[in-house]
Each structure stands twice: as structure tokens, then as C-alpha cells.
Amino acid sequence: MFLHIKKIKYLEKYRVQATFNNGKKGGADISPIFKKGGVFKPLKKQSEFAKLRLDKELQTVVWTNSADLAPEYVYFQAFKHELELQEQFKEWGYV
């Protein structure tokens, strides 16, 4: 099964709440994206970060400057401390 985001909500600072197509829902700090620079750099301004939305076609979070994130990355940030998911995160290259 491919992972998709079904709902995304801005919480505060660089935190979002995401609901995934596997039924899991969780909060995630997305600030590590700023290490990548590039298209994510403008999102350091919280007012720009807060303009996130769900792209229903891509089924992931996007911003007005065309930045987007893989649903797996958001999932990892939301559930990275759950022991039962560590193997999956290794397969995805996040651990």
C-alpha cells in the first residue's frame, strides 16, 4: 500500500497534524526540512510555512512556492519514536 496524506492541519511554529490513508494520525515537527535549503528556505518564515495545504492529486502537503514533501517523510517525523515502525523507516532510508 502506498502511503498518502488524507488531511493536513497547521498547528504552530513548524508543526503539522497529518492523517494518513492507513488511519494513523499524528503531529510532526517539519523544521528539519530547512537543512535542505533550496525551495524550503522561504518556509522558514512562519507566515509562509503556515500557508501549507493538502494537494488532493498528489495526496501530500504542499506550499504556495511549489515545495512539497513525501508523505513518508511526514509519517517518519510524526512517528519516528515508535519502535514497531523502525524497520519501515530503515527501508525508506530515514534511520
Protein backbone atom coordinates (compact mmCIF):
# COMPACT_ATOMS: atom_id res chain seq x y z
CA MET A 1 0.00 0.00 0.00
CA PHE A 2 1.27 3.43 -0.90
CA LEU A 3 1.21 5.99 1.90
CA HIS A 4 -0.82 9.17 1.31
CA ILE A 5 -1.87 12.11 3.43
CA LYS A 6 -5.64 12.48 3.66
CA LYS A 7 -5.74 15.58 5.93
CA ILE A 8 -3.14 18.14 6.94
CA LYS A 9 -3.51 20.90 9.51
CA TYR A 10 -1.10 23.63 10.56
CA LEU A 11 -0.63 23.59 14.35
CA GLU A 12 2.07 26.09 15.36
CA LYS A 13 5.63 27.09 14.50
CA TYR A 14 6.74 24.27 12.16
CA ARG A 15 4.33 21.62 13.41
CA VAL A 16 1.57 19.97 11.45
CA GLN A 17 -1.02 17.32 12.18
CA ALA A 18 -1.42 14.74 9.45
CA THR A 19 -3.95 11.98 8.90
CA PHE A 20 -2.74 9.18 6.64
CA ASN A 21 -4.61 6.71 4.45
CA ASN A 22 -3.61 3.87 6.81
CA GLY A 23 -5.71 5.50 9.56
CA LYS A 24 -2.82 6.86 11.64
CA LYS A 25 -2.92 10.47 12.76
CA GLY A 26 -0.08 12.35 14.38
CA GLY A 27 1.73 15.60 14.92
CA ALA A 28 5.06 16.24 13.23
CA ASP A 29 7.77 18.87 13.53
CA ILE A 30 8.77 19.57 9.94
CA SER A 31 11.61 22.01 10.75
CA PRO A 32 14.37 19.54 9.69
CA ILE A 33 13.49 20.38 6.05
CA PHE A 34 15.29 23.69 6.46
CA LYS A 35 18.63 21.86 6.46
CA LYS A 36 17.97 21.06 2.80
CA GLY A 37 17.70 24.73 1.81
CA GLY A 38 16.53 25.33 -1.75
CA VAL A 39 12.77 25.51 -2.17
CA PHE A 40 12.31 25.04 1.60
CA LYS A 41 14.30 28.15 2.58
CA PRO A 42 11.35 30.60 2.18
CA LEU A 43 9.28 28.41 4.51
CA LYS A 44 11.49 29.39 7.47
CA LYS A 45 9.24 32.43 7.63
CA GLN A 46 6.40 31.03 9.73
CA SER A 47 3.78 33.03 7.85
CA GLU A 48 4.86 31.22 4.66
CA PHE A 49 5.08 27.83 6.35
CA ALA A 50 1.53 28.28 7.68
CA LYS A 51 0.21 28.51 4.09
CA LEU A 52 0.51 24.74 3.70
CA ARG A 53 -2.31 22.79 2.15
CA LEU A 54 -3.19 19.30 1.02
CA ASP A 55 -2.75 18.66 -2.68
CA LYS A 56 -5.56 16.18 -3.37
CA GLU A 57 -3.97 14.93 -6.58
CA LEU A 58 -0.52 14.33 -5.06
CA GLN A 59 -2.07 13.41 -1.69
CA THR A 60 0.63 15.21 0.24
CA VAL A 61 1.42 18.56 1.83
CA VAL A 62 2.39 21.44 -0.47
CA TRP A 63 3.08 25.15 -0.16
CA THR A 64 2.39 28.17 -2.37
CA ASN A 65 6.02 28.25 -3.59
CA SER A 66 5.61 24.72 -5.08
CA ALA A 67 7.51 22.99 -2.26
CA ASP A 68 6.10 19.60 -1.29
CA LEU A 69 7.07 16.71 0.96
CA ALA A 70 6.86 12.98 0.52
CA PRO A 71 4.10 11.55 2.71
CA GLU A 72 6.68 9.07 4.05
CA TYR A 73 8.80 11.94 5.37
CA VAL A 74 5.87 13.47 7.24
CA TYR A 75 4.97 9.99 8.56
CA PHE A 76 8.54 9.49 9.77
CA GLN A 77 8.57 12.85 11.54
CA ALA A 78 5.23 12.06 13.20
CA PHE A 79 6.04 8.51 14.33
CA LYS A 80 9.86 8.29 14.45
CA HIS A 81 9.85 7.18 18.08
CA GLU A 82 7.52 4.21 17.56
CA LEU A 83 9.63 1.08 17.84
CA GLU A 84 7.39 -1.07 15.66
CA LEU A 85 7.94 1.29 12.70
CA GLN A 86 11.75 1.38 12.80
CA GLU A 87 12.20 -1.32 10.14
CA GLN A 88 9.94 0.57 7.76
CA PHE A 89 11.87 3.78 8.40
CA LYS A 90 15.13 1.95 7.67
CA GLU A 91 13.71 0.70 4.35
CA TRP A 92 12.74 4.27 3.47
CA GLY A 93 16.24 5.50 4.39
CA TYR A 94 15.22 7.72 7.30
CA VAL A 95 17.05 5.73 10.00
